Amino acid sequence: MGGCFAKPGIKPAERAAAMEKYKLSADEIRKIEEFFYDCASKRKYVTYSGFRTLYASSRFDQEEADMQAVFRTIARPPQLDGRIDFDSFVRLILLCNRGKEVEGASEEDRMRILFDVMDSDGSESISKPEFQRFLLNFVDDDTATSQMFDKLDSDQSEEIDFQEFSSFCKSNRKVYRKMCLYVFPSG
């Protein structure tokens, strides 16, 4: 994380609010702020092109559609208008840091983002093709992904809702961790 802590943009009150909200030390918030400026480059927000730099060190080659889905989920509030502000950036970084459970960066929040990334048509459920397309990024066996889907689809509806997905993540920690590494690569 490069950059300079004293760059203009983040006001001391905004920095202090993020420290309090996310229970971060001055050093932790300074490092996140430096990274924010690396991604934002002279702006007070991160655009999609700056957001993509988060994926530069990932061991996976994320599909463009998946990166766009994560960006849309993080930049979702209408006031952000396709941008990630400092508070949302802090939340994203904390989501990437799976070892730190804080308000706004819980495991359920991670699962919701994973679910939204898989739900490429925005239907609030995951179809078998959506599930397989996503999992084939890090599971090489099409039959295994099909069997996982069938196991997840506890009500046999041919769609996975968030409750089913959440239960799957909690009981299949290894697959859940791989999904998190794919979607939240800097963690």
N, C-alpha and C. Protein backbone atom coordinates (compact mmCIF):
# COMPACT_ATOMS: atom_id res chain seq x y z
N MET A 1 0.84 -1.17 0.00
CA MET A 1 0.00 0.00 0.00
C MET A 1 0.88 1.23 0.00
N GLY A 2 0.94 1.92 -1.10
CA GLY A 2 1.77 3.11 -1.20
C GLY A 2 0.95 4.34 -0.96
N GLY A 3 1.46 5.47 -1.39
CA GLY A 3 0.71 6.71 -1.27
C GLY A 3 1.16 7.51 -0.07
N CYS A 4 0.51 8.60 0.13
CA CYS A 4 0.87 9.53 1.19
C CYS A 4 -0.35 9.80 2.06
N PHE A 5 -0.19 9.68 3.36
CA PHE A 5 -1.30 9.84 4.30
C PHE A 5 -1.89 11.24 4.28
N ALA A 6 -1.08 12.25 3.98
CA ALA A 6 -1.54 13.63 4.07
C ALA A 6 -2.18 14.15 2.79
N LYS A 7 -2.47 13.32 1.83
CA LYS A 7 -3.11 13.78 0.60
C LYS A 7 -4.46 14.39 0.92
N PRO A 8 -4.85 15.43 0.21
CA PRO A 8 -6.15 16.05 0.49
C PRO A 8 -7.29 15.12 0.08
N GLY A 9 -8.40 15.26 0.73
CA GLY A 9 -9.57 14.49 0.35
C GLY A 9 -10.33 13.94 1.52
N ILE A 10 -9.70 13.07 2.30
CA ILE A 10 -10.37 12.49 3.46
C ILE A 10 -10.22 13.47 4.62
N LYS A 11 -11.33 13.95 5.09
CA LYS A 11 -11.31 14.91 6.19
C LYS A 11 -11.06 14.18 7.50
N PRO A 12 -10.44 14.86 8.45
CA PRO A 12 -10.17 14.23 9.75
C PRO A 12 -11.43 13.65 10.40
N ALA A 13 -12.56 14.35 10.26
CA ALA A 13 -13.80 13.84 10.85
C ALA A 13 -14.26 12.55 10.17
N GLU A 14 -14.08 12.47 8.86
CA GLU A 14 -14.44 11.26 8.11
C GLU A 14 -13.54 10.10 8.52
N ARG A 15 -12.25 10.36 8.67
CA ARG A 15 -11.29 9.36 9.11
C ARG A 15 -11.66 8.88 10.53
N ALA A 16 -11.95 9.82 11.42
CA ALA A 16 -12.30 9.48 12.80
C ALA A 16 -13.59 8.66 12.85
N ALA A 17 -14.55 9.03 12.02
CA ALA A 17 -15.83 8.29 11.97
C ALA A 17 -15.60 6.85 11.53
N ALA A 18 -14.75 6.65 10.53
CA ALA A 18 -14.45 5.28 10.06
C ALA A 18 -13.72 4.50 11.14
N MET A 19 -12.80 5.15 11.84
CA MET A 19 -12.07 4.48 12.93
C MET A 19 -13.04 4.00 14.00
N GLU A 20 -13.98 4.86 14.36
CA GLU A 20 -14.93 4.50 15.39
C GLU A 20 -15.92 3.44 14.90
N LYS A 21 -16.47 3.64 13.72
CA LYS A 21 -17.48 2.72 13.18
C LYS A 21 -16.92 1.31 13.03
N TYR A 22 -15.69 1.20 12.52
CA TYR A 22 -15.11 -0.11 12.23
C TYR A 22 -14.11 -0.57 13.30
N LYS A 23 -13.98 0.19 14.39
CA LYS A 23 -13.09 -0.16 15.49
C LYS A 23 -11.66 -0.39 15.00
N LEU A 24 -11.12 0.59 14.27
CA LEU A 24 -9.78 0.51 13.70
C LEU A 24 -8.82 1.43 14.44
N SER A 25 -7.57 1.03 14.45
CA SER A 25 -6.53 1.88 15.05
C SER A 25 -6.14 2.95 14.03
N ALA A 26 -5.41 3.96 14.51
CA ALA A 26 -4.93 5.02 13.62
C ALA A 26 -4.02 4.44 12.53
N ASP A 27 -3.21 3.45 12.88
CA ASP A 27 -2.33 2.84 11.90
C ASP A 27 -3.12 2.06 10.85
N GLU A 28 -4.14 1.32 11.30
CA GLU A 28 -4.96 0.56 10.35
C GLU A 28 -5.68 1.49 9.38
N ILE A 29 -6.26 2.56 9.89
CA ILE A 29 -6.99 3.47 9.01
C ILE A 29 -6.03 4.19 8.07
N ARG A 30 -4.82 4.49 8.53
CA ARG A 30 -3.81 5.14 7.69
C ARG A 30 -3.45 4.24 6.50
N LYS A 31 -3.25 2.95 6.76
CA LYS A 31 -2.90 2.02 5.69
C LYS A 31 -4.05 1.90 4.67
N ILE A 32 -5.27 1.83 5.17
CA ILE A 32 -6.42 1.75 4.27
C ILE A 32 -6.54 3.04 3.47
N GLU A 33 -6.32 4.17 4.10
CA GLU A 33 -6.40 5.46 3.40
C GLU A 33 -5.34 5.55 2.31
N GLU A 34 -4.14 5.08 2.59
CA GLU A 34 -3.09 5.07 1.56
C GLU A 34 -3.51 4.24 0.36
N PHE A 35 -4.07 3.07 0.65
CA PHE A 35 -4.53 2.20 -0.43
C PHE A 35 -5.69 2.84 -1.19
N PHE A 36 -6.57 3.50 -0.47
CA PHE A 36 -7.68 4.21 -1.10
C PHE A 36 -7.14 5.21 -2.12
N TYR A 37 -6.13 5.97 -1.73
CA TYR A 37 -5.57 6.95 -2.67
C TYR A 37 -4.87 6.29 -3.85
N ASP A 38 -4.27 5.12 -3.63
CA ASP A 38 -3.68 4.39 -4.75
C ASP A 38 -4.75 4.01 -5.77
N CYS A 39 -5.92 3.64 -5.28
CA CYS A 39 -7.02 3.23 -6.16
C CYS A 39 -7.82 4.42 -6.68
N ALA A 40 -7.92 5.48 -5.90
CA ALA A 40 -8.75 6.63 -6.26
C ALA A 40 -8.02 7.65 -7.11
N SER A 41 -6.74 7.72 -7.01
CA SER A 41 -5.91 8.67 -7.73
C SER A 41 -6.52 10.07 -7.83
N LYS A 42 -6.25 10.87 -6.83
CA LYS A 42 -6.63 12.28 -6.76
C LYS A 42 -8.14 12.54 -6.67
N ARG A 43 -8.94 11.53 -6.48
CA ARG A 43 -10.38 11.72 -6.32
C ARG A 43 -10.75 11.39 -4.89
N LYS A 44 -11.98 11.69 -4.54
CA LYS A 44 -12.50 11.32 -3.22
C LYS A 44 -13.31 10.03 -3.31
N TYR A 45 -13.18 9.33 -4.41
CA TYR A 45 -13.93 8.10 -4.62
C TYR A 45 -13.15 7.19 -5.57
N VAL A 46 -13.52 5.92 -5.57
CA VAL A 46 -12.89 4.94 -6.44
C VAL A 46 -13.86 4.58 -7.54
N THR A 47 -13.42 4.68 -8.78
CA THR A 47 -14.22 4.27 -9.92
C THR A 47 -13.95 2.78 -10.17
N TYR A 48 -14.64 2.24 -11.14
CA TYR A 48 -14.45 0.83 -11.45
C TYR A 48 -13.01 0.53 -11.85
N SER A 49 -12.38 1.39 -12.64
CA SER A 49 -11.00 1.12 -13.06
C SER A 49 -10.06 1.09 -11.85
N GLY A 50 -10.25 1.96 -10.88
CA GLY A 50 -9.45 1.93 -9.68
C GLY A 50 -9.74 0.70 -8.83
N PHE A 51 -11.00 0.31 -8.80
CA PHE A 51 -11.43 -0.88 -8.06
C PHE A 51 -10.73 -2.13 -8.59
N ARG A 52 -10.52 -2.19 -9.89
CA ARG A 52 -9.90 -3.37 -10.49
C ARG A 52 -8.48 -3.61 -9.98
N THR A 53 -7.81 -2.56 -9.50
CA THR A 53 -6.45 -2.75 -8.99
C THR A 53 -6.44 -3.65 -7.76
N LEU A 54 -7.57 -3.77 -7.07
CA LEU A 54 -7.64 -4.69 -5.93
C LEU A 54 -7.39 -6.13 -6.36
N TYR A 55 -7.69 -6.45 -7.59
CA TYR A 55 -7.59 -7.82 -8.08
C TYR A 55 -6.22 -8.15 -8.69
N ALA A 56 -5.33 -7.16 -8.75
CA ALA A 56 -4.05 -7.36 -9.41
C ALA A 56 -3.22 -8.48 -8.78
N SER A 57 -3.32 -8.67 -7.48
CA SER A 57 -2.49 -9.66 -6.81
C SER A 57 -3.21 -10.98 -6.56
N SER A 58 -4.41 -11.12 -7.07
CA SER A 58 -5.17 -12.34 -6.83
C SER A 58 -4.55 -13.54 -7.53
N ARG A 59 -4.71 -14.69 -6.92
CA ARG A 59 -4.22 -15.91 -7.57
C ARG A 59 -5.21 -16.42 -8.61
N PHE A 60 -6.39 -15.82 -8.67
CA PHE A 60 -7.39 -16.19 -9.66
C PHE A 60 -7.48 -15.12 -10.74
N ASP A 61 -7.88 -15.52 -11.93
CA ASP A 61 -8.21 -14.57 -12.98
C ASP A 61 -9.72 -14.39 -12.94
N GLN A 62 -10.17 -13.36 -12.25
CA GLN A 62 -11.61 -13.15 -12.11
C GLN A 62 -12.22 -12.76 -13.44
N GLU A 63 -13.42 -13.26 -13.65
CA GLU A 63 -14.16 -12.86 -14.83
C GLU A 63 -14.60 -11.41 -14.65
N GLU A 64 -14.61 -10.68 -15.73
CA GLU A 64 -15.01 -9.28 -15.71
C GLU A 64 -16.40 -9.12 -15.09
N ALA A 65 -17.32 -9.99 -15.43
CA ALA A 65 -18.68 -9.91 -14.90
C ALA A 65 -18.69 -10.06 -13.38
N ASP A 66 -17.82 -10.89 -12.84
CA ASP A 66 -17.76 -11.08 -11.39
C ASP A 66 -17.21 -9.84 -10.71
N MET A 67 -16.15 -9.26 -11.28
CA MET A 67 -15.60 -8.03 -10.69
C MET A 67 -16.64 -6.91 -10.74
N GLN A 68 -17.37 -6.82 -11.84
CA GLN A 68 -18.40 -5.79 -11.97
C GLN A 68 -19.52 -6.01 -10.94
N ALA A 69 -19.86 -7.26 -10.69
CA ALA A 69 -20.91 -7.56 -9.71
C ALA A 69 -20.48 -7.16 -8.30
N VAL A 70 -19.22 -7.42 -7.94
CA VAL A 70 -18.73 -7.01 -6.63
C VAL A 70 -18.75 -5.49 -6.55
N PHE A 71 -18.28 -4.82 -7.59
CA PHE A 71 -18.27 -3.35 -7.60
C PHE A 71 -19.68 -2.79 -7.43
N ARG A 72 -20.63 -3.33 -8.19
CA ARG A 72 -22.02 -2.84 -8.08
C ARG A 72 -22.57 -3.04 -6.68
N THR A 73 -22.21 -4.16 -6.05
CA THR A 73 -22.71 -4.45 -4.71
C THR A 73 -22.12 -3.47 -3.69
N ILE A 74 -20.84 -3.18 -3.80
CA ILE A 74 -20.19 -2.26 -2.87
C ILE A 74 -20.62 -0.82 -3.15
N ALA A 75 -20.79 -0.47 -4.43
CA ALA A 75 -21.17 0.91 -4.81
C ALA A 75 -22.69 1.03 -4.99
N ARG A 76 -23.45 0.17 -4.37
CA ARG A 76 -24.89 0.09 -4.57
C ARG A 76 -25.68 1.30 -4.09
N PRO A 77 -25.40 1.88 -2.94
CA PRO A 77 -26.26 3.00 -2.52
C PRO A 77 -26.35 4.06 -3.63
N PRO A 78 -27.55 4.53 -3.93
CA PRO A 78 -27.75 5.45 -5.04
C PRO A 78 -26.88 6.70 -4.98
N GLN A 79 -26.59 7.17 -3.77
CA GLN A 79 -25.79 8.38 -3.66
C GLN A 79 -24.36 8.17 -4.15
N LEU A 80 -23.92 6.92 -4.27
CA LEU A 80 -22.55 6.67 -4.73
C LEU A 80 -22.44 6.70 -6.25
N ASP A 81 -23.54 6.50 -6.96
CA ASP A 81 -23.57 6.66 -8.41
C ASP A 81 -22.39 5.98 -9.12
N GLY A 82 -22.21 4.69 -8.85
CA GLY A 82 -21.14 3.96 -9.53
C GLY A 82 -19.75 4.28 -9.02
N ARG A 83 -19.67 4.75 -7.81
CA ARG A 83 -18.38 5.08 -7.20
C ARG A 83 -18.33 4.46 -5.81
N ILE A 84 -17.13 4.24 -5.35
CA ILE A 84 -16.94 3.74 -3.99
C ILE A 84 -16.32 4.86 -3.17
N ASP A 85 -17.05 5.33 -2.16
CA ASP A 85 -16.52 6.39 -1.30
C ASP A 85 -15.60 5.76 -0.24
N PHE A 86 -15.02 6.60 0.59
CA PHE A 86 -14.05 6.12 1.57
C PHE A 86 -14.67 5.11 2.54
N ASP A 87 -15.85 5.41 3.07
CA ASP A 87 -16.50 4.49 4.01
C ASP A 87 -16.75 3.13 3.36
N SER A 88 -17.26 3.12 2.13
CA SER A 88 -17.51 1.86 1.42
C SER A 88 -16.21 1.14 1.12
N PHE A 89 -15.15 1.90 0.84
CA PHE A 89 -13.84 1.30 0.58
C PHE A 89 -13.31 0.61 1.84
N VAL A 90 -13.44 1.28 2.99
CA VAL A 90 -13.01 0.68 4.25
C VAL A 90 -13.78 -0.62 4.47
N ARG A 91 -15.08 -0.60 4.25
CA ARG A 91 -15.91 -1.81 4.40
C ARG A 91 -15.41 -2.92 3.48
N LEU A 92 -15.11 -2.57 2.21
CA LEU A 92 -14.61 -3.56 1.27
C LEU A 92 -13.30 -4.17 1.74
N ILE A 93 -12.39 -3.35 2.18
CA ILE A 93 -11.09 -3.85 2.66
C ILE A 93 -11.29 -4.78 3.85
N LEU A 94 -12.20 -4.41 4.74
CA LEU A 94 -12.47 -5.27 5.89
C LEU A 94 -13.15 -6.58 5.48
N LEU A 95 -13.97 -6.52 4.46
CA LEU A 95 -14.57 -7.75 3.94
C LEU A 95 -13.48 -8.66 3.37
N CYS A 96 -12.47 -8.05 2.76
CA CYS A 96 -11.36 -8.83 2.21
C CYS A 96 -10.51 -9.45 3.32
N ASN A 97 -10.51 -8.85 4.49
CA ASN A 97 -9.76 -9.33 5.63
C ASN A 97 -10.65 -10.23 6.46
N ARG A 98 -10.78 -11.47 6.06
CA ARG A 98 -11.72 -12.38 6.70
C ARG A 98 -11.44 -12.64 8.17
N GLY A 99 -10.26 -12.30 8.66
CA GLY A 99 -9.95 -12.54 10.07
C GLY A 99 -10.50 -11.47 10.99
N LYS A 100 -11.02 -10.40 10.45
CA LYS A 100 -11.46 -9.28 11.29
C LYS A 100 -12.96 -9.10 11.13
N GLU A 101 -13.71 -9.52 12.12
CA GLU A 101 -15.16 -9.35 12.11
C GLU A 101 -15.51 -8.03 12.76
N VAL A 102 -16.03 -7.11 11.99
CA VAL A 102 -16.43 -5.81 12.53
C VAL A 102 -17.79 -5.45 11.96
N GLU A 103 -18.42 -4.46 12.57
CA GLU A 103 -19.71 -3.99 12.07
C GLU A 103 -19.55 -3.60 10.60
N GLY A 104 -20.46 -4.04 9.75
CA GLY A 104 -20.40 -3.70 8.34
C GLY A 104 -19.51 -4.62 7.53
N ALA A 105 -18.90 -5.61 8.17
CA ALA A 105 -18.02 -6.52 7.45
C ALA A 105 -18.15 -7.93 8.02
N SER A 106 -19.36 -8.35 8.25
CA SER A 106 -19.61 -9.64 8.88
C SER A 106 -19.57 -10.77 7.85
N GLU A 107 -19.55 -11.98 8.36
CA GLU A 107 -19.59 -13.15 7.48
C GLU A 107 -20.86 -13.15 6.64
N GLU A 108 -21.98 -12.76 7.23
CA GLU A 108 -23.23 -12.71 6.46
C GLU A 108 -23.13 -11.68 5.32
N ASP A 109 -22.45 -10.58 5.57
CA ASP A 109 -22.23 -9.57 4.54
C ASP A 109 -21.42 -10.17 3.38
N ARG A 110 -20.37 -10.92 3.73
CA ARG A 110 -19.57 -11.59 2.69
C ARG A 110 -20.44 -12.57 1.89
N MET A 111 -21.24 -13.34 2.61
CA MET A 111 -22.11 -14.31 1.93
C MET A 111 -23.09 -13.61 1.01
N ARG A 112 -23.63 -12.48 1.45
CA ARG A 112 -24.58 -11.72 0.62
C ARG A 112 -23.90 -11.24 -0.66
N ILE A 113 -22.68 -10.77 -0.56
CA ILE A 113 -21.96 -10.32 -1.76
C ILE A 113 -21.67 -11.51 -2.66
N LEU A 114 -21.22 -12.62 -2.09
CA LEU A 114 -20.99 -13.83 -2.90
C LEU A 114 -22.27 -14.24 -3.63
N PHE A 115 -23.37 -14.23 -2.90
CA PHE A 115 -24.66 -14.59 -3.47
C PHE A 115 -25.01 -13.65 -4.63
N ASP A 116 -24.85 -12.34 -4.42
CA ASP A 116 -25.17 -11.35 -5.46
C ASP A 116 -24.28 -11.51 -6.68
N VAL A 117 -23.02 -11.89 -6.46
CA VAL A 117 -22.12 -12.11 -7.60
C VAL A 117 -22.58 -13.32 -8.40
N MET A 118 -22.98 -14.38 -7.72
CA MET A 118 -23.47 -15.58 -8.43
C MET A 118 -24.79 -15.33 -9.14
N ASP A 119 -25.64 -14.54 -8.52
CA ASP A 119 -26.98 -14.24 -9.06
C ASP A 119 -26.85 -13.20 -10.19
N SER A 120 -26.30 -13.63 -11.29
CA SER A 120 -25.96 -12.69 -12.37
C SER A 120 -27.17 -12.04 -13.02
N ASP A 121 -28.35 -12.65 -12.91
CA ASP A 121 -29.54 -12.04 -13.52
C ASP A 121 -30.35 -11.20 -12.52
N GLY A 122 -29.89 -11.14 -11.27
CA GLY A 122 -30.56 -10.31 -10.27
C GLY A 122 -31.91 -10.82 -9.82
N SER A 123 -32.16 -12.11 -9.96
CA SER A 123 -33.46 -12.69 -9.64
C SER A 123 -33.67 -13.00 -8.16
N GLU A 124 -32.65 -12.74 -7.33
CA GLU A 124 -32.68 -13.07 -5.90
C GLU A 124 -32.64 -14.57 -5.66
N SER A 125 -32.23 -15.33 -6.66
CA SER A 125 -31.96 -16.75 -6.51
C SER A 125 -30.87 -17.14 -7.50
N ILE A 126 -30.22 -18.26 -7.21
CA ILE A 126 -29.13 -18.73 -8.06
C ILE A 126 -29.60 -19.98 -8.79
N SER A 127 -29.54 -19.93 -10.11
CA SER A 127 -29.89 -21.09 -10.92
C SER A 127 -28.68 -22.03 -11.01
N LYS A 128 -28.91 -23.24 -11.47
CA LYS A 128 -27.81 -24.20 -11.62
C LYS A 128 -26.75 -23.66 -12.58
N PRO A 129 -27.11 -23.11 -13.76
CA PRO A 129 -26.06 -22.56 -14.63
C PRO A 129 -25.27 -21.42 -13.99
N GLU A 130 -25.94 -20.55 -13.21
CA GLU A 130 -25.23 -19.46 -12.53
C GLU A 130 -24.24 -20.03 -11.50
N PHE A 131 -24.70 -21.01 -10.75
CA PHE A 131 -23.87 -21.64 -9.72
C PHE A 131 -22.65 -22.32 -10.35
N GLN A 132 -22.89 -23.09 -11.40
CA GLN A 132 -21.80 -23.81 -12.05
C GLN A 132 -20.81 -22.85 -12.71
N ARG A 133 -21.31 -21.82 -13.37
CA ARG A 133 -20.42 -20.86 -14.02
C ARG A 133 -19.47 -20.25 -13.00
N PHE A 134 -19.99 -19.90 -11.84
CA PHE A 134 -19.17 -19.27 -10.81
C PHE A 134 -18.17 -20.28 -10.23
N LEU A 135 -18.64 -21.44 -9.81
CA LEU A 135 -17.75 -22.41 -9.17
C LEU A 135 -16.69 -22.97 -10.11
N LEU A 136 -16.96 -23.01 -11.39
CA LEU A 136 -15.96 -23.54 -12.32
C LEU A 136 -14.74 -22.63 -12.43
N ASN A 137 -14.77 -21.47 -11.78
CA ASN A 137 -13.59 -20.61 -11.72
C ASN A 137 -12.51 -21.23 -10.83
N PHE A 138 -12.89 -22.12 -9.91
CA PHE A 138 -11.90 -22.71 -9.01
C PHE A 138 -12.17 -24.18 -8.68
N VAL A 139 -13.21 -24.78 -9.23
CA VAL A 139 -13.48 -26.21 -9.10
C VAL A 139 -13.52 -26.76 -10.52
N ASP A 140 -12.65 -27.72 -10.81
CA ASP A 140 -12.50 -28.20 -12.18
C ASP A 140 -13.51 -29.26 -12.61
N ASP A 141 -14.33 -29.70 -11.71
CA ASP A 141 -15.21 -30.84 -11.99
C ASP A 141 -16.67 -30.38 -12.13
N ASP A 142 -17.19 -30.42 -13.36
CA ASP A 142 -18.57 -30.02 -13.65
C ASP A 142 -19.57 -30.90 -12.90
N THR A 143 -19.27 -32.19 -12.80
CA THR A 143 -20.15 -33.11 -12.08
C THR A 143 -20.21 -32.76 -10.60
N ALA A 144 -19.07 -32.41 -10.02
CA ALA A 144 -19.04 -32.04 -8.60
C ALA A 144 -19.86 -30.78 -8.35
N THR A 145 -19.78 -29.80 -9.25
CA THR A 145 -20.55 -28.57 -9.05
C THR A 145 -22.04 -28.85 -9.19
N SER A 146 -22.40 -29.75 -10.09
CA SER A 146 -23.80 -30.13 -10.25
C SER A 146 -24.31 -30.83 -9.00
N GLN A 147 -23.50 -31.72 -8.44
CA GLN A 147 -23.89 -32.41 -7.21
C GLN A 147 -24.00 -31.45 -6.03
N MET A 148 -23.06 -30.46 -5.97
CA MET A 148 -23.14 -29.45 -4.91
C MET A 148 -24.44 -28.67 -5.02
N PHE A 149 -24.80 -28.29 -6.24
CA PHE A 149 -26.03 -27.53 -6.44
C PHE A 149 -27.23 -28.35 -5.96
N ASP A 150 -27.28 -29.61 -6.37
CA ASP A 150 -28.40 -30.46 -5.98
C ASP A 150 -28.49 -30.61 -4.46
N LYS A 151 -27.34 -30.67 -3.79
CA LYS A 151 -27.32 -30.76 -2.33
C LYS A 151 -27.80 -29.45 -1.71
N LEU A 152 -27.42 -28.34 -2.28
CA LEU A 152 -27.84 -27.03 -1.78
C LEU A 152 -29.32 -26.79 -1.94
N ASP A 153 -29.86 -27.22 -3.05
CA ASP A 153 -31.26 -26.96 -3.39
C ASP A 153 -32.16 -27.86 -2.56
N SER A 154 -32.22 -27.56 -1.27
CA SER A 154 -32.92 -28.43 -0.33
C SER A 154 -34.42 -28.54 -0.60
N ASP A 155 -35.01 -27.52 -1.19
CA ASP A 155 -36.45 -27.57 -1.48
C ASP A 155 -36.75 -28.04 -2.90
N GLN A 156 -35.72 -28.48 -3.63
CA GLN A 156 -35.86 -29.01 -4.99
C GLN A 156 -36.53 -28.02 -5.96
N SER A 157 -36.33 -26.74 -5.76
CA SER A 157 -36.97 -25.72 -6.60
C SER A 157 -36.18 -25.38 -7.86
N GLU A 158 -35.00 -25.98 -8.01
CA GLU A 158 -34.09 -25.69 -9.13
C GLU A 158 -33.49 -24.29 -9.04
N GLU A 159 -33.64 -23.67 -7.88
CA GLU A 159 -33.08 -22.36 -7.58
C GLU A 159 -32.58 -22.39 -6.13
N ILE A 160 -31.50 -21.68 -5.86
CA ILE A 160 -30.98 -21.59 -4.50
C ILE A 160 -31.28 -20.19 -3.99
N ASP A 161 -31.97 -20.12 -2.86
CA ASP A 161 -32.24 -18.81 -2.26
C ASP A 161 -31.11 -18.49 -1.27
N PHE A 162 -31.13 -17.30 -0.69
CA PHE A 162 -30.04 -16.90 0.18
C PHE A 162 -29.94 -17.79 1.41
N GLN A 163 -31.06 -18.22 1.95
CA GLN A 163 -31.04 -19.11 3.12
C GLN A 163 -30.32 -20.41 2.81
N GLU A 164 -30.63 -21.02 1.68
CA GLU A 164 -29.96 -22.26 1.28
C GLU A 164 -28.47 -22.02 1.06
N PHE A 165 -28.15 -20.90 0.41
CA PHE A 165 -26.75 -20.57 0.14
C PHE A 165 -25.98 -20.35 1.43
N SER A 166 -26.57 -19.63 2.35
CA SER A 166 -25.94 -19.35 3.64
C SER A 166 -25.67 -20.65 4.40
N SER A 167 -26.64 -21.54 4.42
CA SER A 167 -26.46 -22.84 5.08
C SER A 167 -25.32 -23.63 4.44
N PHE A 168 -25.26 -23.60 3.12
CA PHE A 168 -24.18 -24.28 2.39
C PHE A 168 -22.82 -23.72 2.80
N CYS A 169 -22.70 -22.39 2.82
CA CYS A 169 -21.42 -21.75 3.17
C CYS A 169 -20.98 -22.13 4.58
N LYS A 170 -21.92 -22.19 5.50
CA LYS A 170 -21.60 -22.51 6.89
C LYS A 170 -21.18 -23.96 7.07
N SER A 171 -21.71 -24.84 6.25
CA SER A 171 -21.38 -26.27 6.39
C SER A 171 -20.28 -26.74 5.44
N ASN A 172 -19.88 -25.91 4.49
CA ASN A 172 -18.82 -26.26 3.54
C ASN A 172 -17.77 -25.16 3.55
N ARG A 173 -17.04 -25.09 4.65
CA ARG A 173 -16.10 -23.99 4.88
C ARG A 173 -14.99 -23.92 3.84
N LYS A 174 -14.53 -25.05 3.36
CA LYS A 174 -13.44 -25.05 2.38
C LYS A 174 -13.89 -24.39 1.07
N VAL A 175 -15.06 -24.74 0.60
CA VAL A 175 -15.59 -24.13 -0.63
C VAL A 175 -15.89 -22.66 -0.38
N TYR A 176 -16.46 -22.35 0.77
CA TYR A 176 -16.76 -20.95 1.13
C TYR A 176 -15.48 -20.11 1.12
N ARG A 177 -14.39 -20.63 1.71
CA ARG A 177 -13.13 -19.89 1.73
C ARG A 177 -12.60 -19.66 0.32
N LYS A 178 -12.74 -20.65 -0.55
CA LYS A 178 -12.29 -20.46 -1.94
C LYS A 178 -13.13 -19.40 -2.64
N MET A 179 -14.43 -19.42 -2.40
CA MET A 179 -15.29 -18.38 -2.99
C MET A 179 -14.87 -17.00 -2.49
N CYS A 180 -14.58 -16.90 -1.20
CA CYS A 180 -14.14 -15.61 -0.64
C CYS A 180 -12.82 -15.16 -1.25
N LEU A 181 -11.88 -16.08 -1.42
CA LEU A 181 -10.60 -15.72 -2.03
C LEU A 181 -10.78 -15.23 -3.45
N TYR A 182 -11.75 -15.81 -4.14
CA TYR A 182 -12.02 -15.39 -5.52
C TYR A 182 -12.64 -14.00 -5.57
N VAL A 183 -13.60 -13.73 -4.71
CA VAL A 183 -14.32 -12.47 -4.74
C VAL A 183 -13.62 -11.37 -3.95
N PHE A 184 -12.94 -11.74 -2.85
CA PHE A 184 -12.25 -10.77 -2.00
C PHE A 184 -10.75 -11.09 -1.99
N PRO A 185 -10.06 -10.82 -3.09
CA PRO A 185 -8.70 -11.34 -3.27
C PRO A 185 -7.62 -10.75 -2.38
N SER A 186 -7.80 -9.57 -1.86
CA SER A 186 -6.70 -8.98 -1.10
C SER A 186 -6.75 -9.32 0.37
N GLY A 187 -7.65 -10.26 0.72
CA GLY A 187 -7.78 -10.62 2.12
C GLY A 187 -6.74 -11.61 2.57
